[in-house]
Amino acid sequence: MPRARSGPQTKRRRKRWLSAARGYFGGRSKLYKSARQQVVRGLISAHRERRRKKRTFRSLMIARINAGLEGHDLNYSRFVHGLKLAGVTVDRSVLSELAVQAPEDFRRLVETAAEALKAPAAEAS
């Protein structure tokens, strides 16, 4: 029985890592060891940034909503609380788009939230 060698499998594996490293600069795309290290690092960074992107966009949406609330004597937390009391279920992405694209509709939502905030205060007194 002939001796089994792993040449073709090794070549296939190395080729897969090197093709994943296409576009990297210098030895990072040509040399097996550094290409593999760079691809692994890139995959780790991509995974981390996919999680971070959600946080970044949430903070951007909150900043946009806050900017839209600037002339209405409400801050973000009071506004969101007022919407919750009024029973309005609109997520932050829609609110931020309304604040930027349709300020009139956003103003109506602000008035709704302000009314809902005044109602419990009137009931308490």
N, C-alpha and C. Protein backbone atom coordinates (compact mmCIF):
# COMPACT_ATOMS: atom_id res chain seq x y z
N MET A 1 0.85 -1.19 0.00
CA MET A 1 0.00 0.00 0.00
C MET A 1 0.89 1.25 0.00
N PRO A 2 0.62 2.18 -0.88
CA PRO A 2 1.47 3.38 -0.94
C PRO A 2 1.23 4.29 0.26
N ARG A 3 2.26 5.05 0.55
CA ARG A 3 2.19 5.97 1.69
C ARG A 3 1.29 7.14 1.32
N ALA A 4 0.35 7.48 2.21
CA ALA A 4 -0.55 8.61 1.97
C ALA A 4 0.16 9.91 2.35
N ARG A 5 0.11 10.86 1.45
CA ARG A 5 0.75 12.15 1.71
C ARG A 5 -0.30 13.24 1.66
N SER A 6 -0.04 14.31 2.37
CA SER A 6 -1.06 15.36 2.49
C SER A 6 -0.78 16.56 1.60
N GLY A 7 0.00 16.36 0.54
CA GLY A 7 0.39 17.47 -0.32
C GLY A 7 -0.78 18.23 -0.94
N PRO A 8 -1.68 17.54 -1.63
CA PRO A 8 -2.80 18.26 -2.26
C PRO A 8 -3.69 18.98 -1.25
N GLN A 9 -3.92 18.32 -0.12
CA GLN A 9 -4.78 18.94 0.90
C GLN A 9 -4.12 20.20 1.48
N THR A 10 -2.82 20.13 1.74
CA THR A 10 -2.09 21.29 2.27
C THR A 10 -2.12 22.43 1.26
N LYS A 11 -1.92 22.08 -0.02
CA LYS A 11 -1.92 23.12 -1.05
C LYS A 11 -3.29 23.79 -1.14
N ARG A 12 -4.35 22.98 -1.06
CA ARG A 12 -5.71 23.51 -1.11
C ARG A 12 -5.97 24.45 0.07
N ARG A 13 -5.54 24.02 1.26
CA ARG A 13 -5.75 24.83 2.47
C ARG A 13 -5.01 26.16 2.37
N ARG A 14 -3.76 26.11 1.94
CA ARG A 14 -2.97 27.34 1.83
C ARG A 14 -3.54 28.26 0.76
N LYS A 15 -4.00 27.68 -0.33
CA LYS A 15 -4.58 28.46 -1.41
C LYS A 15 -5.84 29.20 -0.92
N ARG A 16 -6.62 28.52 -0.08
CA ARG A 16 -7.84 29.13 0.47
C ARG A 16 -7.51 30.35 1.33
N TRP A 17 -6.50 30.24 2.19
CA TRP A 17 -6.11 31.38 3.03
C TRP A 17 -5.54 32.50 2.18
N LEU A 18 -4.72 32.16 1.19
CA LEU A 18 -4.11 33.19 0.35
C LEU A 18 -5.15 33.90 -0.52
N SER A 19 -6.15 33.17 -0.97
CA SER A 19 -7.19 33.84 -1.77
C SER A 19 -8.05 34.74 -0.88
N ALA A 20 -8.20 34.39 0.40
CA ALA A 20 -8.93 35.25 1.33
C ALA A 20 -8.15 36.52 1.63
N ALA A 21 -6.82 36.48 1.43
CA ALA A 21 -5.96 37.63 1.72
C ALA A 21 -5.70 38.48 0.49
N ARG A 22 -6.42 38.24 -0.60
CA ARG A 22 -6.22 39.05 -1.81
C ARG A 22 -6.52 40.51 -1.52
N GLY A 23 -5.68 41.38 -2.04
CA GLY A 23 -5.88 42.81 -1.84
C GLY A 23 -5.08 43.37 -0.67
N TYR A 24 -4.54 42.50 0.17
CA TYR A 24 -3.71 42.97 1.26
C TYR A 24 -2.35 43.38 0.70
N PHE A 25 -1.63 44.23 1.43
CA PHE A 25 -0.39 44.82 0.93
C PHE A 25 0.80 43.91 1.18
N GLY A 26 1.65 43.76 0.16
CA GLY A 26 2.94 43.08 0.31
C GLY A 26 2.82 41.63 0.72
N GLY A 27 3.64 41.26 1.69
CA GLY A 27 3.70 39.88 2.14
C GLY A 27 2.42 39.41 2.79
N ARG A 28 1.59 40.33 3.18
CA ARG A 28 0.33 39.94 3.81
C ARG A 28 -0.62 39.26 2.83
N SER A 29 -0.34 39.41 1.55
CA SER A 29 -1.14 38.69 0.57
C SER A 29 -0.35 37.59 -0.14
N LYS A 30 0.96 37.57 0.07
CA LYS A 30 1.80 36.61 -0.67
C LYS A 30 2.32 35.46 0.21
N LEU A 31 2.65 35.76 1.45
CA LEU A 31 3.26 34.77 2.33
C LEU A 31 2.18 34.12 3.18
N TYR A 32 2.25 32.79 3.26
CA TYR A 32 1.17 32.04 3.90
C TYR A 32 0.94 32.44 5.36
N LYS A 33 2.00 32.47 6.14
CA LYS A 33 1.83 32.70 7.58
C LYS A 33 1.26 34.09 7.85
N SER A 34 1.86 35.12 7.26
CA SER A 34 1.38 36.48 7.53
C SER A 34 0.00 36.71 6.90
N ALA A 35 -0.28 36.07 5.76
CA ALA A 35 -1.60 36.20 5.14
C ALA A 35 -2.66 35.60 6.05
N ARG A 36 -2.36 34.43 6.60
CA ARG A 36 -3.33 33.78 7.48
C ARG A 36 -3.58 34.62 8.73
N GLN A 37 -2.52 35.13 9.32
CA GLN A 37 -2.67 35.97 10.51
C GLN A 37 -3.52 37.20 10.20
N GLN A 38 -3.29 37.80 9.04
CA GLN A 38 -4.02 39.01 8.67
C GLN A 38 -5.49 38.72 8.41
N VAL A 39 -5.78 37.58 7.79
CA VAL A 39 -7.18 37.22 7.52
C VAL A 39 -7.90 36.97 8.83
N VAL A 40 -7.26 36.26 9.75
CA VAL A 40 -7.88 36.00 11.06
C VAL A 40 -8.16 37.31 11.78
N ARG A 41 -7.19 38.21 11.75
CA ARG A 41 -7.37 39.51 12.40
C ARG A 41 -8.51 40.29 11.74
N GLY A 42 -8.59 40.20 10.41
CA GLY A 42 -9.67 40.88 9.69
C GLY A 42 -11.04 40.33 10.06
N LEU A 43 -11.12 39.01 10.20
CA LEU A 43 -12.40 38.39 10.59
C LEU A 43 -12.81 38.81 11.99
N ILE A 44 -11.84 38.89 12.89
CA ILE A 44 -12.12 39.32 14.26
C ILE A 44 -12.62 40.76 14.25
N SER A 45 -11.95 41.62 13.48
CA SER A 45 -12.36 43.02 13.41
C SER A 45 -13.74 43.16 12.81
N ALA A 46 -14.03 42.39 11.78
CA ALA A 46 -15.34 42.47 11.13
C ALA A 46 -16.44 42.06 12.10
N HIS A 47 -16.19 41.02 12.88
CA HIS A 47 -17.18 40.56 13.85
C HIS A 47 -17.43 41.63 14.90
N ARG A 48 -16.34 42.21 15.42
CA ARG A 48 -16.46 43.25 16.45
C ARG A 48 -17.19 44.47 15.90
N GLU A 49 -16.87 44.87 14.70
CA GLU A 49 -17.47 46.09 14.14
C GLU A 49 -18.93 45.90 13.78
N ARG A 50 -19.33 44.68 13.43
CA ARG A 50 -20.76 44.45 13.19
C ARG A 50 -21.57 44.69 14.45
N ARG A 51 -21.00 44.35 15.60
CA ARG A 51 -21.69 44.61 16.87
C ARG A 51 -21.65 46.10 17.20
N ARG A 52 -20.49 46.72 16.96
CA ARG A 52 -20.30 48.13 17.31
C ARG A 52 -21.17 49.04 16.44
N LYS A 53 -21.42 48.63 15.20
CA LYS A 53 -22.19 49.45 14.26
C LYS A 53 -23.60 49.74 14.82
N LYS A 54 -24.18 48.75 15.46
CA LYS A 54 -25.51 48.92 16.03
C LYS A 54 -25.51 50.00 17.11
N ARG A 55 -24.46 49.99 17.95
CA ARG A 55 -24.34 51.01 19.00
C ARG A 55 -24.15 52.40 18.39
N THR A 56 -23.30 52.46 17.38
CA THR A 56 -23.00 53.75 16.75
C THR A 56 -24.25 54.35 16.13
N PHE A 57 -25.02 53.54 15.42
CA PHE A 57 -26.21 54.06 14.78
C PHE A 57 -27.28 54.45 15.79
N ARG A 58 -27.37 53.70 16.90
CA ARG A 58 -28.33 54.08 17.93
C ARG A 58 -27.99 55.46 18.49
N SER A 59 -26.70 55.71 18.76
CA SER A 59 -26.32 57.02 19.29
C SER A 59 -26.54 58.12 18.25
N LEU A 60 -26.35 57.80 16.97
CA LEU A 60 -26.63 58.77 15.92
C LEU A 60 -28.11 59.11 15.87
N MET A 61 -28.96 58.09 16.00
CA MET A 61 -30.41 58.32 15.98
C MET A 61 -30.83 59.19 17.17
N ILE A 62 -30.28 58.91 18.33
CA ILE A 62 -30.62 59.69 19.52
C ILE A 62 -30.17 61.13 19.35
N ALA A 63 -29.00 61.34 18.76
CA ALA A 63 -28.51 62.70 18.52
C ALA A 63 -29.42 63.44 17.55
N ARG A 64 -29.89 62.76 16.52
CA ARG A 64 -30.80 63.39 15.56
C ARG A 64 -32.13 63.77 16.22
N ILE A 65 -32.64 62.87 17.06
CA ILE A 65 -33.91 63.17 17.74
C ILE A 65 -33.73 64.35 18.66
N ASN A 66 -32.63 64.37 19.40
CA ASN A 66 -32.33 65.49 20.30
C ASN A 66 -32.24 66.80 19.53
N ALA A 67 -31.61 66.75 18.35
CA ALA A 67 -31.50 67.96 17.53
C ALA A 67 -32.87 68.42 17.06
N GLY A 68 -33.74 67.47 16.75
CA GLY A 68 -35.10 67.82 16.33
C GLY A 68 -35.93 68.40 17.45
N LEU A 69 -35.59 68.05 18.69
CA LEU A 69 -36.34 68.53 19.86
C LEU A 69 -35.85 69.88 20.36
N GLU A 70 -34.85 70.45 19.73
CA GLU A 70 -34.17 71.62 20.27
C GLU A 70 -35.10 72.79 20.59
N GLY A 71 -36.06 73.11 19.75
CA GLY A 71 -36.90 74.27 20.02
C GLY A 71 -38.20 73.94 20.73
N HIS A 72 -38.34 72.73 21.24
CA HIS A 72 -39.62 72.30 21.78
C HIS A 72 -39.66 72.15 23.31
N ASP A 73 -38.65 72.60 24.00
CA ASP A 73 -38.59 72.52 25.47
C ASP A 73 -38.75 71.10 26.00
N LEU A 74 -38.21 70.14 25.29
CA LEU A 74 -38.21 68.74 25.73
C LEU A 74 -36.83 68.18 25.45
N ASN A 75 -36.38 67.28 26.31
CA ASN A 75 -35.16 66.56 25.98
C ASN A 75 -35.54 65.14 25.54
N TYR A 76 -34.56 64.37 25.14
CA TYR A 76 -34.81 63.06 24.54
C TYR A 76 -35.54 62.13 25.51
N SER A 77 -35.08 62.04 26.74
CA SER A 77 -35.66 61.07 27.67
C SER A 77 -37.11 61.42 28.01
N ARG A 78 -37.38 62.71 28.22
CA ARG A 78 -38.77 63.14 28.50
C ARG A 78 -39.66 62.88 27.28
N PHE A 79 -39.13 63.11 26.09
CA PHE A 79 -39.88 62.90 24.85
C PHE A 79 -40.26 61.43 24.70
N VAL A 80 -39.29 60.54 24.88
CA VAL A 80 -39.56 59.11 24.73
C VAL A 80 -40.53 58.65 25.81
N HIS A 81 -40.39 59.17 27.02
CA HIS A 81 -41.32 58.82 28.10
C HIS A 81 -42.73 59.31 27.76
N GLY A 82 -42.84 60.51 27.22
CA GLY A 82 -44.15 61.04 26.83
C GLY A 82 -44.79 60.21 25.73
N LEU A 83 -43.99 59.76 24.77
CA LEU A 83 -44.53 58.90 23.71
C LEU A 83 -45.03 57.58 24.27
N LYS A 84 -44.30 57.06 25.24
CA LYS A 84 -44.72 55.80 25.86
C LYS A 84 -46.03 55.98 26.61
N LEU A 85 -46.15 57.09 27.34
CA LEU A 85 -47.40 57.38 28.06
C LEU A 85 -48.57 57.57 27.09
N ALA A 86 -48.30 58.15 25.93
CA ALA A 86 -49.35 58.40 24.93
C ALA A 86 -49.70 57.13 24.15
N GLY A 87 -48.91 56.09 24.32
CA GLY A 87 -49.18 54.84 23.61
C GLY A 87 -48.70 54.84 22.19
N VAL A 88 -47.75 55.71 21.87
CA VAL A 88 -47.19 55.76 20.52
C VAL A 88 -46.00 54.82 20.47
N THR A 89 -46.07 53.84 19.58
CA THR A 89 -44.96 52.88 19.47
C THR A 89 -44.25 53.10 18.14
N VAL A 90 -43.31 54.02 18.14
CA VAL A 90 -42.48 54.30 16.97
C VAL A 90 -41.04 54.13 17.42
N ASP A 91 -40.25 53.39 16.64
CA ASP A 91 -38.88 53.16 17.08
C ASP A 91 -37.97 54.34 16.76
N ARG A 92 -36.77 54.30 17.32
CA ARG A 92 -35.85 55.43 17.22
C ARG A 92 -35.44 55.74 15.78
N SER A 93 -35.32 54.71 14.96
CA SER A 93 -34.89 54.97 13.59
C SER A 93 -35.94 55.78 12.83
N VAL A 94 -37.21 55.44 13.05
CA VAL A 94 -38.29 56.19 12.39
C VAL A 94 -38.36 57.61 12.95
N LEU A 95 -38.20 57.75 14.26
CA LEU A 95 -38.24 59.08 14.87
C LEU A 95 -37.11 59.96 14.32
N SER A 96 -35.90 59.38 14.18
CA SER A 96 -34.78 60.18 13.68
C SER A 96 -35.01 60.58 12.23
N GLU A 97 -35.57 59.67 11.43
CA GLU A 97 -35.86 60.01 10.04
C GLU A 97 -36.93 61.10 9.96
N LEU A 98 -37.94 61.02 10.83
CA LEU A 98 -38.97 62.06 10.85
C LEU A 98 -38.37 63.41 11.25
N ALA A 99 -37.47 63.38 12.23
CA ALA A 99 -36.85 64.63 12.68
C ALA A 99 -36.07 65.30 11.56
N VAL A 100 -35.45 64.49 10.69
CA VAL A 100 -34.64 65.04 9.62
C VAL A 100 -35.48 65.34 8.37
N GLN A 101 -36.31 64.38 7.97
CA GLN A 101 -37.02 64.48 6.69
C GLN A 101 -38.37 65.20 6.78
N ALA A 102 -39.12 64.99 7.88
CA ALA A 102 -40.47 65.54 7.98
C ALA A 102 -40.65 66.24 9.32
N PRO A 103 -40.13 67.46 9.47
CA PRO A 103 -40.19 68.14 10.75
C PRO A 103 -41.62 68.43 11.23
N GLU A 104 -42.56 68.62 10.30
CA GLU A 104 -43.95 68.88 10.70
C GLU A 104 -44.56 67.67 11.40
N ASP A 105 -44.37 66.50 10.84
CA ASP A 105 -44.88 65.28 11.46
C ASP A 105 -44.20 65.04 12.80
N PHE A 106 -42.91 65.32 12.86
CA PHE A 106 -42.17 65.16 14.11
C PHE A 106 -42.70 66.13 15.17
N ARG A 107 -43.04 67.35 14.74
CA ARG A 107 -43.58 68.35 15.68
C ARG A 107 -44.90 67.85 16.28
N ARG A 108 -45.75 67.21 15.44
CA ARG A 108 -47.00 66.65 15.96
C ARG A 108 -46.75 65.56 16.99
N LEU A 109 -45.74 64.75 16.76
CA LEU A 109 -45.38 63.72 17.74
C LEU A 109 -44.88 64.36 19.04
N VAL A 110 -44.13 65.45 18.91
CA VAL A 110 -43.64 66.16 20.10
C VAL A 110 -44.82 66.71 20.90
N GLU A 111 -45.79 67.28 20.20
CA GLU A 111 -46.98 67.81 20.89
C GLU A 111 -47.75 66.69 21.58
N THR A 112 -47.87 65.55 20.94
CA THR A 112 -48.54 64.40 21.54
C THR A 112 -47.82 63.97 22.81
N ALA A 113 -46.51 63.91 22.75
CA ALA A 113 -45.72 63.50 23.93
C ALA A 113 -45.86 64.54 25.04
N ALA A 114 -45.86 65.83 24.69
CA ALA A 114 -45.98 66.88 25.70
C ALA A 114 -47.35 66.82 26.38
N GLU A 115 -48.39 66.56 25.59
CA GLU A 115 -49.73 66.43 26.17
C GLU A 115 -49.81 65.24 27.12
N ALA A 116 -49.20 64.14 26.74
CA ALA A 116 -49.21 62.94 27.58
C ALA A 116 -48.43 63.16 28.87
N LEU A 117 -47.39 64.00 28.82
CA LEU A 117 -46.62 64.29 30.02
C LEU A 117 -47.40 65.21 30.95
N LYS A 118 -48.22 66.11 30.39
CA LYS A 118 -49.01 67.03 31.22
C LYS A 118 -50.18 66.32 31.88
N ALA A 119 -50.76 65.32 31.22
CA ALA A 119 -51.95 64.62 31.73
C ALA A 119 -51.71 63.96 33.09
N PRO A 120 -50.63 63.19 33.30
CA PRO A 120 -50.43 62.58 34.62
C PRO A 120 -50.19 63.64 35.70
N ALA A 121 -49.56 64.75 35.34
CA ALA A 121 -49.32 65.81 36.33
C ALA A 121 -50.64 66.43 36.75
N ALA A 122 -51.58 66.57 35.83
CA ALA A 122 -52.89 67.13 36.15
C ALA A 122 -53.69 66.15 37.01
N GLU A 123 -53.56 64.85 36.76
CA GLU A 123 -54.27 63.85 37.56
C GLU A 123 -53.73 63.77 38.97
N ALA A 124 -52.45 64.00 39.15
CA ALA A 124 -51.82 63.90 40.47
C ALA A 124 -52.26 65.05 41.37
N SER A 125 -52.53 66.24 40.80
CA SER A 125 -52.90 67.37 41.65
C SER A 125 -54.36 67.45 41.93
